[in-house]
Amino acid sequence: RQSGGPPIDLLEIPDREMLSIRGDRIAMIF
């Protein structure tokens, strides 16, 4: 957002990249 860079498609990224996002950049209260 700060650099105006492109987004990532959360449904297409590899599992390992999703692991680095889940709980860090995107978190969930169940």
All heavy atoms as atom14 arrays in JSON, in Angstrom:
{
  "sequence": "RQSGGPPIDLLEIPDREMLSIRGDRIAMIF",
  "atom14_mask": [
    [1, 1, 1, 1, 1, 1, 1, 1, 1, 1, 1, 0, 0, 0],
    [1, 1, 1, 1, 1, 1, 1, 1, 1, 0, 0, 0, 0, 0],
    [1, 1, 1, 1, 1, 1, 0, 0, 0, 0, 0, 0, 0, 0],
    [1, 1, 1, 1, 0, 0, 0, 0, 0, 0, 0, 0, 0, 0],
    [1, 1, 1, 1, 0, 0, 0, 0, 0, 0, 0, 0, 0, 0],
    [1, 1, 1, 1, 1, 1, 1, 0, 0, 0, 0, 0, 0, 0],
    [1, 1, 1, 1, 1, 1, 1, 0, 0, 0, 0, 0, 0, 0],
    [1, 1, 1, 1, 1, 1, 1, 1, 0, 0, 0, 0, 0, 0],
    [1, 1, 1, 1, 1, 1, 1, 1, 0, 0, 0, 0, 0, 0],
    [1, 1, 1, 1, 1, 1, 1, 1, 0, 0, 0, 0, 0, 0],
    [1, 1, 1, 1, 1, 1, 1, 1, 0, 0, 0, 0, 0, 0],
    [1, 1, 1, 1, 1, 1, 1, 1, 1, 0, 0, 0, 0, 0],
    [1, 1, 1, 1, 1, 1, 1, 1, 0, 0, 0, 0, 0, 0],
    [1, 1, 1, 1, 1, 1, 1, 0, 0, 0, 0, 0, 0, 0],
    [1, 1, 1, 1, 1, 1, 1, 1, 0, 0, 0, 0, 0, 0],
    [1, 1, 1, 1, 1, 1, 1, 1, 1, 1, 1, 0, 0, 0],
    [1, 1, 1, 1, 1, 1, 1, 1, 1, 0, 0, 0, 0, 0],
    [1, 1, 1, 1, 1, 1, 1, 1, 0, 0, 0, 0, 0, 0],
    [1, 1, 1, 1, 1, 1, 1, 1, 0, 0, 0, 0, 0, 0],
    [1, 1, 1, 1, 1, 1, 0, 0, 0, 0, 0, 0, 0, 0],
    [1, 1, 1, 1, 1, 1, 1, 1, 0, 0, 0, 0, 0, 0],
    [1, 1, 1, 1, 1, 1, 1, 1, 1, 1, 1, 0, 0, 0],
    [1, 1, 1, 1, 0, 0, 0, 0, 0, 0, 0, 0, 0, 0],
    [1, 1, 1, 1, 1, 1, 1, 1, 0, 0, 0, 0, 0, 0],
    [1, 1, 1, 1, 1, 1, 1, 1, 1, 1, 1, 0, 0, 0],
    [1, 1, 1, 1, 1, 1, 1, 1, 0, 0, 0, 0, 0, 0],
    [1, 1, 1, 1, 1, 0, 0, 0, 0, 0, 0, 0, 0, 0],
    [1, 1, 1, 1, 1, 1, 1, 1, 0, 0, 0, 0, 0, 0],
    [1, 1, 1, 1, 1, 1, 1, 1, 0, 0, 0, 0, 0, 0],
    [1, 1, 1, 1, 1, 1, 1, 1, 1, 1, 1, 0, 0, 0]
  ],
  "atom14_positions": [
    [[0.83, -1.2, 0.0], [0.0, 0.0, 0.0], [0.86, 1.25, 0.0], [0.54, 2.25, -0.65], [-0.94, 0.0, 1.22], [-1.93, -1.14, 1.23], [-3.08, -0.89, 2.19], [-2.66, -0.67, 3.55], [-2.42, -1.62, 4.43], [-2.52, -2.89, 4.06], [-2.07, -1.35, 5.67], [0.0, 0.0, 0.0], [0.0, 0.0, 0.0], [0.0, 0.0, 0.0]],
    [[1.96, 1.23, 0.75], [2.83, 2.4, 0.82], [3.58, 2.63, -0.48], [3.79, 3.77, -0.9], [3.81, 2.23, 1.98], [3.16, 2.3, 3.35], [4.09, 1.88, 4.47], [5.25, 1.57, 4.23], [3.58, 1.85, 5.7], [0.0, 0.0, 0.0], [0.0, 0.0, 0.0], [0.0, 0.0, 0.0], [0.0, 0.0, 0.0], [0.0, 0.0, 0.0]],
    [[3.98, 1.55, -1.14], [4.79, 1.69, -2.35], [3.96, 1.7, -3.62], [4.49, 1.97, -4.71], [5.8, 0.54, -2.43], [5.13, -0.71, -2.58], [0.0, 0.0, 0.0], [0.0, 0.0, 0.0], [0.0, 0.0, 0.0], [0.0, 0.0, 0.0], [0.0, 0.0, 0.0], [0.0, 0.0, 0.0], [0.0, 0.0, 0.0], [0.0, 0.0, 0.0]],
    [[2.66, 1.43, -3.49], [1.82, 1.34, -4.67], [2.05, 0.07, -5.45], [1.72, -0.02, -6.64], [0.0, 0.0, 0.0], [0.0, 0.0, 0.0], [0.0, 0.0, 0.0], [0.0, 0.0, 0.0], [0.0, 0.0, 0.0], [0.0, 0.0, 0.0], [0.0, 0.0, 0.0], [0.0, 0.0, 0.0], [0.0, 0.0, 0.0], [0.0, 0.0, 0.0]],
    [[2.59, -0.95, -4.78], [2.88, -2.21, -5.43], [1.63, -3.03, -5.68], [0.54, -2.72, -5.18], [0.0, 0.0, 0.0], [0.0, 0.0, 0.0], [0.0, 0.0, 0.0], [0.0, 0.0, 0.0], [0.0, 0.0, 0.0], [0.0, 0.0, 0.0], [0.0, 0.0, 0.0], [0.0, 0.0, 0.0], [0.0, 0.0, 0.0], [0.0, 0.0, 0.0]],
    [[1.76, -4.09, -6.47], [0.6, -4.92, -6.81], [0.18, -5.81, -5.64], [0.98, -6.1, -4.75], [1.12, -5.78, -7.98], [2.59, -5.9, -7.71], [2.99, -4.58, -7.11], [0.0, 0.0, 0.0], [0.0, 0.0, 0.0], [0.0, 0.0, 0.0], [0.0, 0.0, 0.0], [0.0, 0.0, 0.0], [0.0, 0.0, 0.0], [0.0, 0.0, 0.0]],
    [[-1.07, -6.27, -5.65], [-1.52, -7.19, -4.59], [-1.08, -8.61, -4.89], [-0.57, -8.91, -5.97], [-3.04, -7.07, -4.67], [-3.3, -6.83, -6.14], [-2.16, -5.96, -6.61], [0.0, 0.0, 0.0], [0.0, 0.0, 0.0], [0.0, 0.0, 0.0], [0.0, 0.0, 0.0], [0.0, 0.0, 0.0], [0.0, 0.0, 0.0], [0.0, 0.0, 0.0]],
    [[-1.3, -9.49, -3.91], [-1.12, -10.92, -4.14], [-2.49, -11.59, -4.07], [-3.37, -11.14, -3.34], [-0.17, -11.55, -3.1], [-0.68, -11.31, -1.67], [1.25, -11.02, -3.25], [0.11, -12.03, -0.61], [0.0, 0.0, 0.0], [0.0, 0.0, 0.0], [0.0, 0.0, 0.0], [0.0, 0.0, 0.0], [0.0, 0.0, 0.0], [0.0, 0.0, 0.0]],
    [[-2.67, -12.62, -4.88], [-3.92, -13.38, -4.86], [-3.78, -14.47, -3.81], [-3.0, -15.42, -3.98], [-4.2, -13.98, -6.24], [-5.54, -14.7, -6.31], [-6.17, -14.89, -5.25], [-5.96, -15.08, -7.42], [0.0, 0.0, 0.0], [0.0, 0.0, 0.0], [0.0, 0.0, 0.0], [0.0, 0.0, 0.0], [0.0, 0.0, 0.0], [0.0, 0.0, 0.0]],
    [[-4.52, -14.38, -2.73], [-4.39, -15.3, -1.61], [-4.77, -16.73, -1.98], [-4.38, -17.67, -1.28], [-5.25, -14.83, -0.44], [-4.86, -13.48, 0.17], [-5.89, -13.05, 1.22], [-3.47, -13.56, 0.8], [0.0, 0.0, 0.0], [0.0, 0.0, 0.0], [0.0, 0.0, 0.0], [0.0, 0.0, 0.0], [0.0, 0.0, 0.0], [0.0, 0.0, 0.0]],
    [[-5.52, -16.91, -3.06], [-5.91, -18.25, -3.47], [-4.89, -18.92, -4.38], [-4.98, -20.12, -4.65], [-7.27, -18.21, -4.18], [-8.44, -17.67, -3.37], [-9.73, -17.76, -4.17], [-8.59, -18.41, -2.05], [0.0, 0.0, 0.0], [0.0, 0.0, 0.0], [0.0, 0.0, 0.0], [0.0, 0.0, 0.0], [0.0, 0.0, 0.0], [0.0, 0.0, 0.0]],
    [[-3.89, -18.14, -4.84], [-2.94, -18.67, -5.8], [-1.53, -18.82, -5.24], [-0.71, -19.53, -5.8], [-2.88, -17.76, -7.04], [-4.17, -17.74, -7.84], [-4.46, -19.08, -8.5], [-3.5, -19.83, -8.77], [-5.64, -19.38, -8.74], [0.0, 0.0, 0.0], [0.0, 0.0, 0.0], [0.0, 0.0, 0.0], [0.0, 0.0, 0.0], [0.0, 0.0, 0.0]],
    [[-1.2, -18.16, -4.14], [0.16, -18.2, -3.62], [0.47, -19.58, -3.06], [-0.43, -20.32, -2.65], [0.39, -17.13, -2.53], [-0.6, -17.32, -1.36], [0.26, -15.73, -3.11], [-0.38, -16.37, -0.22], [0.0, 0.0, 0.0], [0.0, 0.0, 0.0], [0.0, 0.0, 0.0], [0.0, 0.0, 0.0], [0.0, 0.0, 0.0], [0.0, 0.0, 0.0]],
    [[1.76, -19.98, -3.03], [2.14, -21.29, -2.47], [1.78, -21.41, -0.99], [1.63, -20.4, -0.3], [3.66, -21.33, -2.67], [3.96, -20.3, -3.71], [2.91, -19.24, -3.57], [0.0, 0.0, 0.0], [0.0, 0.0, 0.0], [0.0, 0.0, 0.0], [0.0, 0.0, 0.0], [0.0, 0.0, 0.0], [0.0, 0.0, 0.0], [0.0, 0.0, 0.0]],
    [[1.65, -22.64, -0.53], [1.27, -22.88, 0.87], [2.25, -22.22, 1.84], [1.84, -21.7, 2.88], [1.19, -24.38, 1.14], [0.01, -25.03, 0.44], [-0.92, -24.31, 0.05], [0.03, -26.27, 0.28], [0.0, 0.0, 0.0], [0.0, 0.0, 0.0], [0.0, 0.0, 0.0], [0.0, 0.0, 0.0], [0.0, 0.0, 0.0], [0.0, 0.0, 0.0]],
    [[3.53, -22.28, 1.54], [4.53, -21.72, 2.45], [4.36, -20.21, 2.59], [4.52, -19.65, 3.68], [5.93, -22.05, 1.97], [7.01, -21.62, 2.96], [8.35, -22.27, 2.69], [9.32, -21.9, 3.69], [9.43, -22.44, 4.89], [8.59, -23.39, 5.25], [10.35, -22.04, 5.75], [0.0, 0.0, 0.0], [0.0, 0.0, 0.0], [0.0, 0.0, 0.0]],
    [[4.03, -19.55, 1.48], [3.8, -18.1, 1.57], [2.54, -17.8, 2.35], [2.48, -16.82, 3.11], [3.72, -17.51, 0.17], [3.67, -15.99, 0.15], [3.71, -15.39, -1.24], [3.94, -16.15, -2.21], [3.49, -14.17, -1.36], [0.0, 0.0, 0.0], [0.0, 0.0, 0.0], [0.0, 0.0, 0.0], [0.0, 0.0, 0.0], [0.0, 0.0, 0.0]],
    [[1.52, -18.63, 2.2], [0.3, -18.44, 2.98], [0.58, -18.62, 4.47], [0.05, -17.88, 5.31], [-0.78, -19.43, 2.52], [-2.03, -19.44, 3.41], [-2.77, -17.82, 3.72], [-3.4, -17.4, 2.11], [0.0, 0.0, 0.0], [0.0, 0.0, 0.0], [0.0, 0.0, 0.0], [0.0, 0.0, 0.0], [0.0, 0.0, 0.0], [0.0, 0.0, 0.0]],
    [[1.45, -19.56, 4.83], [1.8, -19.76, 6.24], [2.45, -18.51, 6.83], [2.26, -18.19, 8.01], [2.75, -20.95, 6.38], [2.12, -22.34, 6.26], [3.2, -23.41, 6.27], [1.11, -22.59, 7.37], [0.0, 0.0, 0.0], [0.0, 0.0, 0.0], [0.0, 0.0, 0.0], [0.0, 0.0, 0.0], [0.0, 0.0, 0.0], [0.0, 0.0, 0.0]],
    [[3.22, -17.8, 6.01], [3.88, -16.59, 6.5], [2.9, -15.43, 6.65], [3.16, -14.48, 7.41], [5.02, -16.19, 5.56], [4.52, -15.74, 4.31], [0.0, 0.0, 0.0], [0.0, 0.0, 0.0], [0.0, 0.0, 0.0], [0.0, 0.0, 0.0], [0.0, 0.0, 0.0], [0.0, 0.0, 0.0], [0.0, 0.0, 0.0], [0.0, 0.0, 0.0]],
    [[1.77, -15.48, 5.94], [0.76, -14.41, 6.01], [-0.27, -14.69, 7.1], [-0.65, -13.8, 7.87], [0.05, -14.27, 4.65], [1.03, -13.72, 3.61], [-1.18, -13.37, 4.75], [0.48, -13.68, 2.21], [0.0, 0.0, 0.0], [0.0, 0.0, 0.0], [0.0, 0.0, 0.0], [0.0, 0.0, 0.0], [0.0, 0.0, 0.0], [0.0, 0.0, 0.0]],
    [[-0.69, -15.95, 7.21], [-1.71, -16.33, 8.18], [-1.2, -16.15, 9.61], [-0.19, -16.71, 9.99], [-2.11, -17.78, 7.95], [-3.26, -18.26, 8.83], [-3.39, -19.77, 8.74], [-3.66, -20.2, 7.38], [-3.15, -21.32, 6.84], [-2.3, -22.06, 7.53], [-3.46, -21.66, 5.6], [0.0, 0.0, 0.0], [0.0, 0.0, 0.0], [0.0, 0.0, 0.0]],
    [[-1.87, -15.34, 10.38], [-1.46, -15.06, 11.75], [-0.53, -13.88, 11.87], [-0.3, -13.37, 12.97], [0.0, 0.0, 0.0], [0.0, 0.0, 0.0], [0.0, 0.0, 0.0], [0.0, 0.0, 0.0], [0.0, 0.0, 0.0], [0.0, 0.0, 0.0], [0.0, 0.0, 0.0], [0.0, 0.0, 0.0], [0.0, 0.0, 0.0], [0.0, 0.0, 0.0]],
    [[0.0, -13.41, 10.74], [0.92, -12.27, 10.74], [0.25, -11.08, 10.07], [-0.16, -10.12, 10.73], [2.21, -12.65, 10.03], [3.25, -11.54, 10.05], [3.12, -10.63, 10.89], [4.19, -11.59, 9.24], [0.0, 0.0, 0.0], [0.0, 0.0, 0.0], [0.0, 0.0, 0.0], [0.0, 0.0, 0.0], [0.0, 0.0, 0.0], [0.0, 0.0, 0.0]],
    [[0.09, -11.13, 8.75], [-0.55, -10.02, 8.03], [-2.08, -10.11, 8.1], [-2.78, -9.1, 8.04], [-0.1, -10.01, 6.57], [1.4, -9.78, 6.36], [1.85, -8.44, 6.91], [2.22, -8.51, 8.32], [2.06, -7.54, 9.18], [1.51, -6.4, 8.84], [2.43, -7.67, 10.45], [0.0, 0.0, 0.0], [0.0, 0.0, 0.0], [0.0, 0.0, 0.0]],
    [[-2.61, -11.34, 8.15], [-4.05, -11.55, 8.27], [-4.29, -12.47, 9.46], [-3.71, -13.56, 9.53], [-4.66, -12.19, 7.01], [-4.37, -11.34, 5.77], [-6.17, -12.37, 7.17], [-4.84, -11.96, 4.47], [0.0, 0.0, 0.0], [0.0, 0.0, 0.0], [0.0, 0.0, 0.0], [0.0, 0.0, 0.0], [0.0, 0.0, 0.0], [0.0, 0.0, 0.0]],
    [[-5.09, -12.03, 10.41], [-5.36, -12.83, 11.61], [-6.86, -12.98, 11.79], [-7.65, -12.18, 11.27], [-4.73, -12.17, 12.84], [0.0, 0.0, 0.0], [0.0, 0.0, 0.0], [0.0, 0.0, 0.0], [0.0, 0.0, 0.0], [0.0, 0.0, 0.0], [0.0, 0.0, 0.0], [0.0, 0.0, 0.0], [0.0, 0.0, 0.0], [0.0, 0.0, 0.0]],
    [[-7.24, -14.0, 12.54], [-8.67, -14.31, 12.7], [-9.0, -14.6, 14.15], [-8.27, -15.32, 14.83], [-9.04, -15.5, 11.81], [-10.52, -15.78, 11.74], [-10.89, -16.9, 10.36], [-12.67, -17.05, 10.52], [0.0, 0.0, 0.0], [0.0, 0.0, 0.0], [0.0, 0.0, 0.0], [0.0, 0.0, 0.0], [0.0, 0.0, 0.0], [0.0, 0.0, 0.0]],
    [[-10.1, -14.02, 14.61], [-10.67, -14.35, 15.91], [-11.84, -15.29, 15.65], [-12.81, -14.91, 14.99], [-11.17, -13.1, 16.66], [-10.05, -12.07, 16.8], [-11.71, -13.47, 18.03], [-10.53, -10.74, 17.34], [0.0, 0.0, 0.0], [0.0, 0.0, 0.0], [0.0, 0.0, 0.0], [0.0, 0.0, 0.0], [0.0, 0.0, 0.0], [0.0, 0.0, 0.0]],
    [[-11.73, -16.5, 16.16], [-12.74, -17.5, 15.84], [-13.95, -17.38, 16.77], [-13.91, -16.77, 17.84], [-12.14, -18.9, 15.91], [-11.12, -19.16, 14.84], [-9.77, -18.92, 15.08], [-11.5, -19.61, 13.59], [-8.83, -19.13, 14.1], [-10.55, -19.83, 12.61], [-9.22, -19.59, 12.85], [0.0, 0.0, 0.0], [0.0, 0.0, 0.0], [0.0, 0.0, 0.0]]
  ]
}
